[in-house]
Amino acid sequence: MLGVILVGLGIFAPDMRAPLTDVNVNLYSGLSMLGFGAFLLLMARRASRKKS
């Protein structure tokens, strides 16, 4: 859920940047959170299939 919020902020409010960099930190950290969450969800589904 936090990843979705950060991606939304990164897309719709790109002027909110970190003070010491020009990189859109909200967008990149949100995308990495979404990717990691999808990976964990995939691993959990694979593990539950092997048990049954």
PDB file of N, CA and C in Angstrom:
ATOM      1  N   MET A   1       0.819  -1.188   0.000  1.00  0.00           N
ATOM      2  CA  MET A   1       0.000   0.000   0.000  1.00  0.00           C
ATOM      3  C   MET A   1       0.871   1.264   0.000  1.00  0.00           C
ATOM      4  N   LEU A   2       1.927   1.243   0.767  1.00  0.00           N
ATOM      5  CA  LEU A   2       2.809   2.404   0.812  1.00  0.00           C
ATOM      6  C   LEU A   2       3.514   2.610  -0.524  1.00  0.00           C
ATOM      7  N   GLY A   3       3.847   1.512  -1.203  1.00  0.00           N
ATOM      8  CA  GLY A   3       4.460   1.617  -2.518  1.00  0.00           C
ATOM      9  C   GLY A   3       3.555   2.310  -3.516  1.00  0.00           C
ATOM     10  N   VAL A   4       2.260   2.001  -3.462  1.00  0.00           N
ATOM     11  CA  VAL A   4       1.289   2.633  -4.367  1.00  0.00           C
ATOM     12  C   VAL A   4       1.197   4.132  -4.080  1.00  0.00           C
ATOM     13  N   ILE A   5       1.196   4.489  -2.819  1.00  0.00           N
ATOM     14  CA  ILE A   5       1.130   5.912  -2.444  1.00  0.00           C
ATOM     15  C   ILE A   5       2.376   6.656  -2.929  1.00  0.00           C
ATOM     16  N   LEU A   6       3.538   6.051  -2.746  1.00  0.00           N
ATOM     17  CA  LEU A   6       4.774   6.710  -3.169  1.00  0.00           C
ATOM     18  C   LEU A   6       4.855   6.837  -4.682  1.00  0.00           C
ATOM     19  N   VAL A   7       4.405   5.821  -5.413  1.00  0.00           N
ATOM     20  CA  VAL A   7       4.399   5.914  -6.870  1.00  0.00           C
ATOM     21  C   VAL A   7       3.444   7.022  -7.311  1.00  0.00           C
ATOM     22  N   GLY A   8       2.292   7.102  -6.673  1.00  0.00           N
ATOM     23  CA  GLY A   8       1.342   8.174  -7.000  1.00  0.00           C
ATOM     24  C   GLY A   8       1.921   9.548  -6.739  1.00  0.00           C
ATOM     25  N   LEU A   9       2.594   9.706  -5.620  1.00  0.00           N
ATOM     26  CA  LEU A   9       3.238  10.990  -5.335  1.00  0.00           C
ATOM     27  C   LEU A   9       4.348  11.292  -6.337  1.00  0.00           C
ATOM     28  N   GLY A  10       5.085  10.262  -6.712  1.00  0.00           N
ATOM     29  CA  GLY A  10       6.162  10.468  -7.674  1.00  0.00           C
ATOM     30  C   GLY A  10       5.663  10.872  -9.041  1.00  0.00           C
ATOM     31  N   ILE A  11       4.494  10.356  -9.427  1.00  0.00           N
ATOM     32  CA  ILE A  11       3.950  10.678 -10.750  1.00  0.00           C
ATOM     33  C   ILE A  11       3.210  12.013 -10.735  1.00  0.00           C
ATOM     34  N   PHE A  12       2.342  12.210  -9.740  1.00  0.00           N
ATOM     35  CA  PHE A  12       1.461  13.376  -9.750  1.00  0.00           C
ATOM     36  C   PHE A  12       2.030  14.593  -9.027  1.00  0.00           C
ATOM     37  N   ALA A  13       3.091  14.431  -8.276  1.00  0.00           N
ATOM     38  CA  ALA A  13       3.737  15.570  -7.616  1.00  0.00           C
ATOM     39  C   ALA A  13       5.251  15.468  -7.809  1.00  0.00           C
ATOM     40  N   PRO A  14       5.710  15.584  -9.045  1.00  0.00           N
ATOM     41  CA  PRO A  14       7.145  15.399  -9.300  1.00  0.00           C
ATOM     42  C   PRO A  14       8.021  16.514  -8.735  1.00  0.00           C
ATOM     43  N   ASP A  15       7.421  17.644  -8.341  1.00  0.00           N
ATOM     44  CA  ASP A  15       8.222  18.740  -7.790  1.00  0.00           C
ATOM     45  C   ASP A  15       8.613  18.489  -6.337  1.00  0.00           C
ATOM     46  N   MET A  16       8.039  17.465  -5.697  1.00  0.00           N
ATOM     47  CA  MET A  16       8.427  17.108  -4.320  1.00  0.00           C
ATOM     48  C   MET A  16       9.664  16.212  -4.388  1.00  0.00           C
ATOM     49  N   ARG A  17      10.828  16.816  -4.389  1.00  0.00           N
ATOM     50  CA  ARG A  17      12.076  16.066  -4.515  1.00  0.00           C
ATOM     51  C   ARG A  17      12.882  16.167  -3.235  1.00  0.00           C
ATOM     52  N   ALA A  18      13.815  15.255  -3.085  1.00  0.00           N
ATOM     53  CA  ALA A  18      14.718  15.294  -1.947  1.00  0.00           C
ATOM     54  C   ALA A  18      15.605  16.538  -2.077  1.00  0.00           C
ATOM     55  N   PRO A  19      15.961  17.175  -0.958  1.00  0.00           N
ATOM     56  CA  PRO A  19      16.692  18.441  -1.041  1.00  0.00           C
ATOM     57  C   PRO A  19      18.087  18.345  -1.660  1.00  0.00           C
ATOM     58  N   LEU A  20      18.749  17.198  -1.537  1.00  0.00           N
ATOM     59  CA  LEU A  20      20.133  17.119  -1.999  1.00  0.00           C
ATOM     60  C   LEU A  20      20.296  16.430  -3.349  1.00  0.00           C
ATOM     61  N   THR A  21      19.205  16.087  -4.008  1.00  0.00           N
ATOM     62  CA  THR A  21      19.308  15.389  -5.285  1.00  0.00           C
ATOM     63  C   THR A  21      18.194  15.825  -6.221  1.00  0.00           C
ATOM     64  N   ASP A  22      18.402  15.591  -7.508  1.00  0.00           N
ATOM     65  CA  ASP A  22      17.384  15.903  -8.507  1.00  0.00           C
ATOM     66  C   ASP A  22      16.571  14.671  -8.895  1.00  0.00           C
ATOM     67  N   VAL A  23      16.830  13.550  -8.242  1.00  0.00           N
ATOM     68  CA  VAL A  23      16.145  12.295  -8.552  1.00  0.00           C
ATOM     69  C   VAL A  23      14.792  12.273  -7.854  1.00  0.00           C
ATOM     70  N   ASN A  24      13.781  11.726  -8.516  1.00  0.00           N
ATOM     71  CA  ASN A  24      12.453  11.587  -7.936  1.00  0.00           C
ATOM     72  C   ASN A  24      12.454  10.361  -7.016  1.00  0.00           C
ATOM     73  N   VAL A  25      12.811  10.562  -5.767  1.00  0.00           N
ATOM     74  CA  VAL A  25      13.002   9.480  -4.810  1.00  0.00           C
ATOM     75  C   VAL A  25      11.692   8.758  -4.518  1.00  0.00           C
ATOM     76  N   ASN A  26      10.580   9.493  -4.462  1.00  0.00           N
ATOM     77  CA  ASN A  26       9.293   8.858  -4.189  1.00  0.00           C
ATOM     78  C   ASN A  26       8.946   7.829  -5.257  1.00  0.00           C
ATOM     79  N   LEU A  27       9.180   8.166  -6.501  1.00  0.00           N
ATOM     80  CA  LEU A  27       8.835   7.265  -7.590  1.00  0.00           C
ATOM     81  C   LEU A  27       9.692   6.007  -7.553  1.00  0.00           C
ATOM     82  N   TYR A  28      10.983   6.165  -7.412  1.00  0.00           N
ATOM     83  CA  TYR A  28      11.874   5.002  -7.453  1.00  0.00           C
ATOM     84  C   TYR A  28      11.734   4.117  -6.217  1.00  0.00           C
ATOM     85  N   SER A  29      11.565   4.708  -5.059  1.00  0.00           N
ATOM     86  CA  SER A  29      11.385   3.880  -3.867  1.00  0.00           C
ATOM     87  C   SER A  29      10.023   3.187  -3.894  1.00  0.00           C
ATOM     88  N   GLY A  30       9.000   3.846  -4.404  1.00  0.00           N
ATOM     89  CA  GLY A  30       7.689   3.218  -4.537  1.00  0.00           C
ATOM     90  C   GLY A  30       7.709   2.056  -5.509  1.00  0.00           C
ATOM     91  N   LEU A  31       8.396   2.231  -6.628  1.00  0.00           N
ATOM     92  CA  LEU A  31       8.504   1.138  -7.595  1.00  0.00           C
ATOM     93  C   LEU A  31       9.271  -0.051  -7.032  1.00  0.00           C
ATOM     94  N   SER A  32      10.322   0.222  -6.280  1.00  0.00           N
ATOM     95  CA  SER A  32      11.068  -0.883  -5.680  1.00  0.00           C
ATOM     96  C   SER A  32      10.241  -1.590  -4.612  1.00  0.00           C
ATOM     97  N   MET A  33       9.434  -0.854  -3.849  1.00  0.00           N
ATOM     98  CA  MET A  33       8.551  -1.491  -2.861  1.00  0.00           C
ATOM     99  C   MET A  33       7.500  -2.357  -3.538  1.00  0.00           C
ATOM    100  N   LEU A  34       6.921  -1.863  -4.635  1.00  0.00           N
ATOM    101  CA  LEU A  34       5.935  -2.649  -5.362  1.00  0.00           C
ATOM    102  C   LEU A  34       6.558  -3.905  -5.963  1.00  0.00           C
ATOM    103  N   GLY A  35       7.742  -3.787  -6.492  1.00  0.00           N
ATOM    104  CA  GLY A  35       8.433  -4.953  -7.048  1.00  0.00           C
ATOM    105  C   GLY A  35       8.757  -5.984  -5.986  1.00  0.00           C
ATOM    106  N   PHE A  36       9.238  -5.533  -4.840  1.00  0.00           N
ATOM    107  CA  PHE A  36       9.569  -6.453  -3.755  1.00  0.00           C
ATOM    108  C   PHE A  36       8.308  -7.114  -3.200  1.00  0.00           C
ATOM    109  N   GLY A  37       7.221  -6.360  -3.080  1.00  0.00           N
ATOM    110  CA  GLY A  37       5.963  -6.925  -2.615  1.00  0.00           C
ATOM    111  C   GLY A  37       5.414  -7.965  -3.578  1.00  0.00           C
ATOM    112  N   ALA A  38       5.524  -7.704  -4.874  1.00  0.00           N
ATOM    113  CA  ALA A  38       5.080  -8.674  -5.876  1.00  0.00           C
ATOM    114  C   ALA A  38       5.927  -9.937  -5.821  1.00  0.00           C
ATOM    115  N   PHE A  39       7.230  -9.776  -5.605  1.00  0.00           N
ATOM    116  CA  PHE A  39       8.110 -10.930  -5.479  1.00  0.00           C
ATOM    117  C   PHE A  39       7.734 -11.774  -4.257  1.00  0.00           C
ATOM    118  N   LEU A  40       7.477 -11.138  -3.126  1.00  0.00           N
ATOM    119  CA  LEU A  40       7.094 -11.884  -1.924  1.00  0.00           C
ATOM    120  C   LEU A  40       5.745 -12.582  -2.107  1.00  0.00           C
ATOM    121  N   LEU A  41       4.821 -11.925  -2.779  1.00  0.00           N
ATOM    122  CA  LEU A  41       3.523 -12.544  -3.047  1.00  0.00           C
ATOM    123  C   LEU A  41       3.676 -13.761  -3.949  1.00  0.00           C
ATOM    124  N   LEU A  42       4.524 -13.664  -4.949  1.00  0.00           N
ATOM    125  CA  LEU A  42       4.790 -14.793  -5.830  1.00  0.00           C
ATOM    126  C   LEU A  42       5.408 -15.959  -5.058  1.00  0.00           C
ATOM    127  N   MET A  43       6.371 -15.676  -4.194  1.00  0.00           N
ATOM    128  CA  MET A  43       7.005 -16.734  -3.416  1.00  0.00           C
ATOM    129  C   MET A  43       6.017 -17.389  -2.442  1.00  0.00           C
ATOM    130  N   ALA A  44       5.126 -16.610  -1.854  1.00  0.00           N
ATOM    131  CA  ALA A  44       4.136 -17.161  -0.934  1.00  0.00           C
ATOM    132  C   ALA A  44       3.156 -18.066  -1.674  1.00  0.00           C
ATOM    133  N   ARG A  45       2.760 -17.674  -2.868  1.00  0.00           N
ATOM    134  CA  ARG A  45       1.841 -18.518  -3.650  1.00  0.00           C
ATOM    135  C   ARG A  45       2.508 -19.796  -4.105  1.00  0.00           C
ATOM    136  N   ARG A  46       3.765 -19.721  -4.459  1.00  0.00           N
ATOM    137  CA  ARG A  46       4.492 -20.934  -4.860  1.00  0.00           C
ATOM    138  C   ARG A  46       4.635 -21.890  -3.680  1.00  0.00           C
ATOM    139  N   ALA A  47       4.876 -21.344  -2.500  1.00  0.00           N
ATOM    140  CA  ALA A  47       5.035 -22.187  -1.314  1.00  0.00           C
ATOM    141  C   ALA A  47       3.710 -22.828  -0.914  1.00  0.00           C
ATOM    142  N   SER A  48       2.617 -22.125  -1.075  1.00  0.00           N
ATOM    143  CA  SER A  48       1.324 -22.693  -0.695  1.00  0.00           C
ATOM    144  C   SER A  48       0.886 -23.771  -1.693  1.00  0.00           C
ATOM    145  N   ARG A  49       1.301 -23.684  -2.946  1.00  0.00           N
ATOM    146  CA  ARG A  49       0.984 -24.718  -3.923  1.00  0.00           C
ATOM    147  C   ARG A  49       1.725 -26.020  -3.638  1.00  0.00           C
ATOM    148  N   LYS A  50       2.942 -25.914  -3.139  1.00  0.00           N
ATOM    149  CA  LYS A  50       3.737 -27.111  -2.854  1.00  0.00           C
ATOM    150  C   LYS A  50       3.197 -27.865  -1.646  1.00  0.00           C
ATOM    151  N   LYS A  51       2.580 -27.153  -0.701  1.00  0.00           N
ATOM    152  CA  LYS A  51       2.046 -27.816   0.507  1.00  0.00           C
ATOM    153  C   LYS A  51       0.810 -28.616   0.195  1.00  0.00           C
ATOM    154  N   SER A  52      -0.037 -28.154  -0.714  1.00  0.00           N
ATOM    155  CA  SER A  52      -1.303 -28.869  -0.962  1.00  0.00           C
ATOM    156  C   SER A  52      -1.233 -29.809  -2.130  1.00  0.00           C
TER     157      SER A  52
END
